[in-house]
Amino acid sequence: MHENPELTTLPLHARTDFDAGHRIDRYELRELIGRGGMGSVYRAIDTKLGRTVALKTVAGRRTGARLTDRVRQRFLREAMALSKVEHRNVVQVMDFGFADDGTPFLVMEHLRGRDLGTLLAESGTPPTVTYIVDIMLGVCAALRACHRVGIVHRDLKPGNIFLVDTDTGAEVKVLDFGVSKAPTSDDLTREGQIVGTPQYLAPEQVDGKVGPASDQYALGVLIYACLTLRLPYEDHQSFDLLRAIETGKFESPRVFRPDLPEALERTVLRAMQVSPIERFESVYALGQHLWELASPRGKDEWKNYYFPEASSDRTAALDSELSKTHLLSSAIEGRARRVRFRLPVALIGVILIALGVRATTVTPPRPPKTTPQPTQPRMPEPYIARPLPEPPKASSRAGAPIRGRHAPFGAALPSIDHNGIGIPAD
């Protein structure tokens, strides 16, 4: 259910407590899984798709149609902006709208795990530095993704950092972006309205100014609390707390935990500077400083995100080395191919030479073999090709036959065979 923010001008009569089975839009509530000062979270069923979701109702604290109209407008603008954020460390918003009684609601992915506040309360001892730093790298990435679309969290605290159970370990999810505006000094006068949240307020928020640098300050307080299990201003309350935040005087984290690296303490103190311009340029820059103190696994996971240029140079260098290796391998392979080609030829030559030597030493010399000259093929003679024999001269002896040109023609012709090849018969 999505509504145009320009058309929502009805008064808000929000409530946060609903019974199991109650239906808001197409979502049927099943059980209450969390409650805070700004609303409640229910496990619900999407009756259209049949999937389990988390539905959060947002309560209004003030009365008056004009003020609640402004709350509705802001809620819809920020809900629509947040629904466009696609980041693995930001809880996914799948739907939003208003119930029939005007109660704003958000529909989010249902997560299994526990929040960082519960973990710290159950641990009893401060977590390791690398464990906290690894978590904060994901938080910085989530904040950066939302700052890019103009969303400021305004209420960053351990309870809004959720550690999702996955097959490969815990995954960080930041909850409740931009839904509730951080309380001001007017809220502090109302007993029970804000429990714990004012400790994470940035000095500029006390004056009603909120921006991305305010989330960075709250993140610095969050790291301080996780490492020491103390809040920097936990001894102050009400207006005294606001004055302490504005002056920025508190004990450094190494006072309570001397084993902390000095670099980490400097990073935390810079993020908690009173003036926003004295903090890091962005939460992304804060994350770059934290990366140096992460675990080996955390460094490997976030290297490409926080130092993409170094990763690109490393990739280019690796590609260059691979190219050189490929060229060298090709040259070696070509040389080996030529060697493999020459080897059989050389071997054959050696064998032939050896055979020639053996033939010379064993076989007696033979006369050179003469090549017969080619002979002209014998052409068949036509049967009339042989000339007639010359007639003998006349003899003076008595009884000799007369042979001459006056002899009978038939007696002068030789007889020939039937094949007509000019062979005289006997």
Protein backbone atom coordinates (compact mmCIF):
# COMPACT_ATOMS: atom_id res chain seq x y z
CA MET A 1 0.00 0.00 0.00
CA HIS A 2 1.58 3.27 -1.18
CA GLU A 3 0.06 6.67 -0.85
CA ASN A 4 0.83 10.06 -2.33
CA PRO A 5 2.35 12.21 0.42
CA GLU A 6 0.67 15.29 -0.99
CA LEU A 7 -2.78 13.81 -0.44
CA THR A 8 -2.44 12.63 3.16
CA THR A 9 -3.74 15.43 5.31
CA LEU A 10 -5.98 13.58 7.76
CA PRO A 11 -5.22 13.67 11.49
CA LEU A 12 -3.17 10.80 12.87
CA HIS A 13 -4.63 8.72 15.69
CA ALA A 14 -1.88 6.14 15.93
CA ARG A 15 -1.73 3.16 18.20
CA THR A 16 0.93 0.54 18.74
CA ASP A 17 -0.79 -2.35 20.53
CA PHE A 18 -2.75 -4.83 18.46
CA ASP A 19 -3.98 -8.30 19.31
CA ALA A 20 -2.86 -11.41 17.46
CA GLY A 21 -5.06 -11.96 14.45
CA HIS A 22 -5.59 -8.26 13.86
CA ARG A 23 -5.26 -7.34 10.21
CA ILE A 24 -3.56 -4.24 8.86
CA ASP A 25 -4.11 -3.91 5.15
CA ARG A 26 -3.27 -7.38 3.76
CA TYR A 27 -1.03 -8.33 6.72
CA GLU A 28 -2.28 -10.52 9.55
CA LEU A 29 -0.47 -9.97 12.84
CA ARG A 30 0.68 -13.14 14.60
CA GLU A 31 2.78 -12.09 17.59
CA LEU A 32 4.54 -9.10 19.16
CA ILE A 33 8.31 -9.47 18.80
CA GLY A 34 9.48 -6.05 20.02
CA ARG A 35 8.35 -2.75 21.42
CA GLY A 36 10.08 0.62 21.65
CA GLY A 37 9.34 4.21 22.42
CA MET A 38 8.34 4.93 18.82
CA GLY A 39 6.28 1.84 18.06
CA SER A 40 6.00 -1.94 18.08
CA VAL A 41 7.18 -4.71 15.78
CA TYR A 42 5.05 -7.76 14.96
CA ARG A 43 5.62 -10.98 13.12
CA ALA A 44 2.96 -11.00 10.45
CA ILE A 45 1.83 -12.99 7.44
CA ASP A 46 1.40 -11.49 4.01
CA THR A 47 -2.00 -12.99 3.11
CA LYS A 48 -1.42 -12.32 -0.57
CA LEU A 49 2.00 -13.95 -0.94
CA GLY A 50 1.95 -16.21 2.12
CA ARG A 51 5.37 -15.12 3.38
CA THR A 52 6.43 -14.08 6.88
CA VAL A 53 7.28 -10.42 7.33
CA ALA A 54 8.06 -7.98 10.12
CA LEU A 55 5.47 -5.21 10.47
CA LYS A 56 6.33 -2.14 12.49
CA THR A 57 3.70 0.32 13.64
CA VAL A 58 4.87 3.88 14.23
CA ALA A 59 3.21 5.72 17.09
CA GLY A 60 2.55 9.42 17.26
CA ARG A 61 3.46 11.16 20.47
CA ARG A 62 1.80 14.46 20.03
CA THR A 63 -1.68 15.61 19.36
CA GLY A 64 -2.87 18.25 16.95
CA ALA A 65 -3.81 17.83 13.31
CA ARG A 66 -1.17 20.23 11.97
CA LEU A 67 1.75 18.48 13.68
CA THR A 68 0.53 14.98 12.82
CA ASP A 69 0.12 15.98 9.18
CA ARG A 70 3.80 16.91 9.13
CA VAL A 71 4.67 13.56 10.71
CA ARG A 72 2.67 11.73 8.03
CA GLN A 73 4.31 13.69 5.24
CA ARG A 74 7.80 13.00 6.55
CA PHE A 75 7.05 9.36 7.19
CA LEU A 76 5.85 8.77 3.64
CA ARG A 77 8.74 10.65 2.03
CA GLU A 78 11.35 8.80 4.01
CA ALA A 79 9.61 5.43 3.68
CA MET A 80 9.54 5.80 -0.09
CA ALA A 81 13.19 6.88 -0.17
CA LEU A 82 14.24 4.02 2.08
CA SER A 83 12.35 1.48 -0.02
CA LYS A 84 14.67 2.40 -2.91
CA VAL A 85 17.82 1.60 -0.94
CA GLU A 86 19.26 -1.74 -1.98
CA HIS A 87 22.12 -2.71 0.28
CA ARG A 88 22.86 -5.97 2.02
CA ASN A 89 23.43 -4.20 5.36
CA VAL A 90 20.17 -2.25 5.27
CA VAL A 91 16.94 -3.96 6.23
CA GLN A 92 14.72 -4.29 3.18
CA VAL A 93 11.48 -2.29 3.25
CA MET A 94 8.85 -4.11 1.18
CA ASP A 95 5.73 -2.05 1.84
CA PHE A 96 4.40 0.88 3.86
CA GLY A 97 1.20 2.77 4.39
CA PHE A 98 -1.47 3.67 6.94
CA ALA A 99 -3.91 1.45 8.76
CA ASP A 100 -7.64 2.22 8.80
CA ASP A 101 -7.23 4.15 12.05
CA GLY A 102 -4.36 6.22 10.63
CA THR A 103 -1.49 4.27 12.19
CA PRO A 104 1.62 4.36 9.96
CA PHE A 105 3.21 0.98 9.35
CA LEU A 106 6.30 -0.40 7.66
CA VAL A 107 6.61 -3.92 6.27
CA MET A 108 10.16 -5.27 6.33
CA GLU A 109 11.93 -8.53 5.76
CA HIS A 110 11.68 -10.89 8.72
CA LEU A 111 15.11 -11.46 10.25
CA ARG A 112 16.34 -14.24 12.52
CA GLY A 113 19.04 -13.40 15.04
CA ARG A 114 19.45 -10.79 17.75
CA ASP A 115 20.34 -7.16 18.06
CA LEU A 116 23.67 -5.82 19.25
CA GLY A 117 22.13 -4.40 22.44
CA THR A 118 20.97 -7.85 23.54
CA LEU A 119 24.39 -9.30 22.77
CA LEU A 120 26.18 -6.68 24.87
CA ALA A 121 23.77 -7.14 27.77
CA GLU A 122 24.29 -10.90 27.76
CA SER A 123 28.06 -10.90 27.28
CA GLY A 124 29.13 -9.40 30.62
CA THR A 125 32.60 -8.68 29.23
CA PRO A 126 33.53 -6.30 26.40
CA PRO A 127 33.82 -7.96 22.97
CA THR A 128 37.13 -8.12 21.18
CA VAL A 129 38.27 -5.16 19.13
CA THR A 130 38.20 -7.04 15.83
CA TYR A 131 34.68 -8.33 16.47
CA ILE A 132 33.29 -4.83 17.02
CA VAL A 133 35.27 -3.31 14.17
CA ASP A 134 34.02 -5.97 11.74
CA ILE A 135 30.44 -5.10 12.71
CA MET A 136 31.03 -1.37 12.35
CA LEU A 137 32.40 -1.78 8.84
CA GLY A 138 28.98 -3.07 7.82
CA VAL A 139 27.24 -0.26 9.73
CA CYS A 140 29.35 2.38 7.95
CA ALA A 141 28.47 0.83 4.59
CA ALA A 142 24.75 0.85 5.45
CA LEU A 143 24.84 4.47 6.59
CA ARG A 144 26.68 5.51 3.46
CA ALA A 145 24.06 3.85 1.25
CA CYS A 146 21.26 5.76 2.96
CA HIS A 147 23.10 9.08 3.10
CA ARG A 148 23.44 8.89 -0.66
CA VAL A 149 19.65 9.05 -1.04
CA GLY A 150 19.18 11.69 1.63
CA ILE A 151 18.19 9.41 4.52
CA VAL A 152 19.63 10.17 7.97
CA HIS A 153 19.12 7.52 10.61
CA ARG A 154 18.70 9.90 13.56
CA ASP A 155 18.40 7.09 16.11
CA LEU A 156 21.48 4.93 15.84
CA LYS A 157 22.00 2.70 18.90
CA PRO A 158 22.82 -0.97 19.71
CA GLY A 159 19.17 -1.98 19.52
CA ASN A 160 19.01 -0.90 15.86
CA ILE A 161 22.02 -3.00 14.83
CA PHE A 162 20.74 -6.48 14.07
CA LEU A 163 22.99 -9.52 13.67
CA VAL A 164 21.30 -11.95 11.30
CA ASP A 165 22.05 -15.65 11.61
CA THR A 166 23.37 -17.05 8.32
CA ASP A 167 25.21 -20.18 7.25
CA THR A 168 28.49 -18.26 7.05
CA GLY A 169 28.15 -16.29 10.29
CA ALA A 170 26.41 -13.15 11.47
CA GLU A 171 25.45 -10.51 8.91
CA VAL A 172 24.87 -6.91 9.93
CA LYS A 173 21.53 -5.23 9.25
CA VAL A 174 20.78 -1.65 10.30
CA LEU A 175 17.14 -1.07 11.25
CA ASP A 176 14.76 1.88 11.56
CA PHE A 177 16.21 4.37 9.12
CA GLY A 178 14.58 7.77 9.19
CA VAL A 179 11.31 6.67 10.76
CA SER A 180 11.59 8.59 14.02
CA LYS A 181 13.11 12.00 14.43
CA ALA A 182 15.63 12.33 17.24
CA PRO A 183 14.13 13.98 20.31
CA THR A 184 14.98 17.56 21.26
CA SER A 185 15.15 19.36 24.59
CA ASP A 186 11.35 19.55 24.74
CA ASP A 187 11.17 15.76 24.77
CA LEU A 188 13.61 15.51 27.66
CA THR A 189 11.15 17.23 29.95
CA ARG A 190 8.62 14.49 29.41
CA GLU A 191 9.27 11.63 31.75
CA GLY A 192 9.65 8.21 30.10
CA GLN A 193 9.56 9.54 26.54
CA ILE A 194 13.14 8.77 25.56
CA VAL A 195 15.00 6.09 27.41
CA GLY A 196 18.62 5.70 26.41
CA THR A 197 18.38 7.47 23.04
CA PRO A 198 19.58 10.96 24.21
CA GLN A 199 23.00 9.50 25.03
CA TYR A 200 23.62 9.10 21.27
CA LEU A 201 22.56 12.63 20.31
CA ALA A 202 25.10 14.75 18.45
CA PRO A 203 25.69 18.29 19.72
CA GLU A 204 24.01 19.82 16.65
CA GLN A 205 20.91 17.73 17.27
CA VAL A 206 20.42 19.50 20.56
CA ASP A 207 19.86 22.66 18.48
CA GLY A 208 17.51 20.79 16.13
CA LYS A 209 20.01 20.36 13.27
CA VAL A 210 20.37 16.89 11.81
CA GLY A 211 22.61 15.66 9.02
CA PRO A 212 24.87 12.79 7.97
CA ALA A 213 27.53 13.99 10.41
CA SER A 214 25.03 13.38 13.22
CA ASP A 215 24.96 9.67 12.34
CA GLN A 216 28.76 9.63 12.41
CA TYR A 217 28.76 11.06 15.93
CA ALA A 218 26.22 8.46 17.06
CA LEU A 219 28.38 5.76 15.50
CA GLY A 220 31.35 6.99 17.51
CA VAL A 221 29.27 6.76 20.70
CA LEU A 222 28.14 3.29 19.64
CA ILE A 223 31.73 2.07 19.21
CA TYR A 224 32.66 3.65 22.56
CA ALA A 225 29.80 1.81 24.29
CA CYS A 226 30.59 -1.54 22.64
CA LEU A 227 34.26 -1.42 23.61
CA THR A 228 33.83 -0.23 27.20
CA LEU A 229 30.25 -1.30 28.03
CA ARG A 230 29.76 2.29 29.18
CA LEU A 231 28.20 5.38 27.69
CA PRO A 232 30.39 8.50 27.57
CA TYR A 233 27.79 10.61 29.42
CA GLU A 234 26.04 7.96 31.45
CA ASP A 235 26.51 9.99 34.68
CA HIS A 236 24.47 12.87 33.25
CA GLN A 237 20.71 13.16 32.90
CA SER A 238 18.16 15.54 31.43
CA PHE A 239 19.45 19.09 30.75
CA ASP A 240 22.78 18.27 32.37
CA LEU A 241 23.19 15.62 29.70
CA LEU A 242 22.53 18.15 26.93
CA ARG A 243 25.11 20.56 28.34
CA ALA A 244 27.68 17.75 28.61
CA ILE A 245 27.06 16.75 24.99
CA GLU A 246 27.46 20.35 23.84
CA THR A 247 30.77 20.76 25.67
CA GLY A 248 32.06 17.35 24.59
CA LYS A 249 33.85 16.53 27.85
CA PHE A 250 34.00 12.82 28.71
CA GLU A 251 36.53 10.17 29.64
CA SER A 252 38.44 8.63 26.77
CA PRO A 253 37.76 4.92 26.13
CA ARG A 254 41.26 3.80 27.14
CA VAL A 255 40.60 5.04 30.67
CA PHE A 256 38.19 2.13 31.07
CA ARG A 257 40.01 -0.27 28.77
CA PRO A 258 43.75 0.37 28.54
CA ASP A 259 44.33 -2.50 26.10
CA LEU A 260 42.55 -0.65 23.28
CA PRO A 261 44.80 0.37 20.38
CA GLU A 262 45.62 4.06 20.37
CA ALA A 263 44.66 4.28 16.71
CA LEU A 264 41.18 3.04 17.54
CA GLU A 265 40.82 5.57 20.36
CA ARG A 266 41.85 8.40 18.04
CA THR A 267 39.30 7.24 15.48
CA VAL A 268 36.48 7.17 18.05
CA LEU A 269 37.36 10.57 19.51
CA ARG A 270 37.52 12.17 16.08
CA ALA A 271 34.08 10.83 15.18
CA MET A 272 32.74 12.34 18.44
CA GLN A 273 34.09 15.85 17.91
CA VAL A 274 31.66 18.60 18.90
CA SER A 275 32.02 20.41 15.60
CA PRO A 276 30.85 18.39 12.56
CA ILE A 277 33.65 19.80 10.40
CA GLU A 278 36.26 18.32 12.75
CA ARG A 279 34.89 14.80 12.28
CA PHE A 280 35.69 12.53 9.34
CA GLU A 281 34.58 13.70 5.92
CA SER A 282 31.97 10.95 5.87
CA VAL A 283 31.07 7.63 7.44
CA TYR A 284 32.88 6.06 4.51
CA ALA A 285 36.13 7.76 5.56
CA LEU A 286 35.49 6.57 9.12
CA GLY A 287 35.12 3.04 7.79
CA GLN A 288 38.44 3.32 5.95
CA HIS A 289 40.19 4.12 9.24
CA LEU A 290 38.42 1.28 11.02
CA TRP A 291 39.42 -1.20 8.31
CA GLU A 292 43.03 -1.13 9.46
CA LEU A 293 41.91 -2.60 12.83
CA ALA A 294 39.60 -5.30 11.46
CA SER A 295 40.16 -9.05 11.60
CA PRO A 296 41.86 -10.76 8.63
CA ARG A 297 38.47 -12.01 7.50
CA GLY A 298 36.96 -8.53 7.87
CA LYS A 299 39.80 -6.96 5.90
CA ASP A 300 39.40 -9.48 3.12
CA GLU A 301 35.63 -8.97 3.00
CA TRP A 302 35.72 -5.16 2.90
CA LYS A 303 38.97 -4.53 1.02
CA ASN A 304 37.35 -3.94 -2.36
CA TYR A 305 34.64 -1.73 -0.84
CA TYR A 306 36.79 0.67 1.14
CA PHE A 307 39.84 0.66 -1.13
CA PRO A 308 38.60 0.03 -4.68
CA GLU A 309 41.55 1.83 -6.32
CA ALA A 310 44.09 -0.30 -4.52
CA SER A 311 42.13 -3.37 -5.51
CA SER A 312 42.02 -2.19 -9.13
CA ASP A 313 45.78 -1.57 -9.13
CA ARG A 314 46.32 -4.96 -7.57
CA THR A 315 44.09 -6.56 -10.18
CA ALA A 316 45.90 -4.72 -12.98
CA ALA A 317 49.27 -5.81 -11.61
CA LEU A 318 48.04 -9.37 -11.33
CA ASP A 319 46.72 -9.27 -14.89
CA SER A 320 50.09 -7.91 -16.07
CA GLU A 321 51.94 -10.68 -14.27
CA LEU A 322 49.58 -13.24 -15.72
CA SER A 323 50.11 -11.79 -19.19
CA LYS A 324 53.89 -11.92 -18.79
CA THR A 325 53.64 -15.46 -17.49
CA HIS A 326 51.47 -16.41 -20.45
CA LEU A 327 53.93 -14.91 -22.92
CA LEU A 328 56.84 -16.64 -21.23
CA SER A 329 54.96 -19.93 -21.22
CA SER A 330 54.14 -19.49 -24.92
CA ALA A 331 57.79 -18.79 -25.72
CA ILE A 332 58.94 -21.79 -23.75
CA GLU A 333 56.28 -23.95 -25.33
CA GLY A 334 57.28 -22.76 -28.82
CA ARG A 335 60.93 -23.45 -28.11
CA ALA A 336 60.07 -26.87 -26.76
CA ARG A 337 57.98 -27.55 -29.85
CA ARG A 338 60.91 -26.65 -32.09
CA VAL A 339 63.21 -28.82 -30.00
CA ARG A 340 60.73 -31.67 -30.20
CA PHE A 341 60.59 -31.21 -33.98
CA ARG A 342 64.35 -31.08 -34.40
CA LEU A 343 65.05 -34.03 -32.13
CA PRO A 344 63.52 -36.73 -34.39
CA VAL A 345 65.26 -35.26 -37.44
CA ALA A 346 68.59 -35.23 -35.67
CA LEU A 347 68.00 -38.74 -34.39
CA ILE A 348 67.16 -40.00 -37.84
CA GLY A 349 70.32 -38.36 -39.17
CA VAL A 350 72.42 -40.04 -36.50
CA ILE A 351 70.80 -43.39 -37.27
CA LEU A 352 71.39 -42.99 -40.99
CA ILE A 353 75.00 -42.02 -40.42
CA ALA A 354 75.48 -45.03 -38.15
CA LEU A 355 73.92 -47.32 -40.72
CA GLY A 356 76.13 -45.84 -43.42
CA VAL A 357 79.26 -46.46 -41.36
CA ARG A 358 78.15 -50.04 -40.69
CA ALA A 359 77.46 -50.64 -44.34
CA THR A 360 80.89 -49.26 -45.22
CA THR A 361 82.69 -51.54 -42.76
CA VAL A 362 80.76 -54.77 -43.39
CA THR A 363 79.53 -54.81 -46.96
CA PRO A 364 82.21 -55.22 -49.74
CA PRO A 365 82.31 -52.47 -52.26
CA ARG A 366 80.01 -52.85 -55.17
CA PRO A 367 80.52 -51.46 -58.62
CA PRO A 368 78.53 -48.43 -59.21
CA LYS A 369 75.21 -49.22 -60.59
CA THR A 370 74.84 -47.89 -64.08
CA THR A 371 71.61 -46.46 -65.04
CA PRO A 372 70.46 -47.96 -68.36
CA GLN A 373 70.00 -45.45 -71.09
CA PRO A 374 66.48 -45.17 -72.23
CA THR A 375 65.82 -46.87 -75.59
CA GLN A 376 63.50 -45.73 -78.20
CA PRO A 377 60.46 -47.91 -78.41
CA ARG A 378 60.39 -50.14 -81.44
CA MET A 379 57.76 -49.02 -83.81
CA PRO A 380 55.86 -51.64 -85.69
CA GLU A 381 56.81 -51.72 -89.33
CA PRO A 382 54.04 -51.53 -91.86
CA TYR A 383 53.74 -54.41 -94.09
CA ILE A 384 54.94 -52.35 -97.04
CA ALA A 385 57.76 -50.64 -95.21
CA ARG A 386 60.53 -53.18 -96.04
CA PRO A 387 62.13 -52.39 -99.42
CA LEU A 388 62.40 -54.99 -102.10
CA PRO A 389 65.76 -56.84 -102.38
CA GLU A 390 68.10 -55.69 -105.08
CA PRO A 391 67.91 -58.14 -107.99
CA PRO A 392 71.17 -60.05 -108.62
CA LYS A 393 73.10 -59.50 -111.76
CA ALA A 394 72.71 -61.89 -114.63
CA SER A 395 74.87 -65.03 -114.63
CA SER A 396 76.49 -66.54 -117.65
CA ARG A 397 76.23 -70.01 -116.25
CA ALA A 398 73.88 -72.38 -117.88
CA GLY A 399 70.69 -73.28 -116.04
CA ALA A 400 70.79 -70.27 -113.71
CA PRO A 401 67.48 -68.51 -113.29
CA ILE A 402 67.05 -65.23 -114.90
CA ARG A 403 66.58 -62.47 -112.32
CA GLY A 404 66.25 -58.92 -113.34
CA ARG A 405 63.77 -56.23 -113.97
CA HIS A 406 62.17 -58.35 -116.64
CA ALA A 407 61.49 -61.26 -114.26
CA PRO A 408 57.87 -61.95 -113.23
CA PHE A 409 56.57 -59.48 -110.58
CA GLY A 410 55.19 -62.15 -108.23
CA ALA A 411 58.49 -64.00 -108.00
CA ALA A 412 60.25 -60.90 -106.67
CA LEU A 413 57.89 -60.32 -103.63
CA PRO A 414 58.62 -62.04 -100.32
CA SER A 415 55.78 -63.71 -98.57
CA ILE A 416 54.47 -62.00 -95.36
CA ASP A 417 52.69 -63.30 -92.30
CA HIS A 418 49.02 -62.80 -91.67
CA ASN A 419 49.63 -60.08 -89.16
CA GLY A 420 51.30 -57.87 -91.67
CA ILE A 421 54.35 -57.00 -89.67
CA GLY A 422 56.84 -57.51 -92.42
CA ILE A 423 58.55 -60.75 -91.30
CA PRO A 424 59.64 -62.77 -94.34
CA ALA A 425 58.67 -66.42 -94.37
CA ASP A 426 61.25 -69.14 -95.11
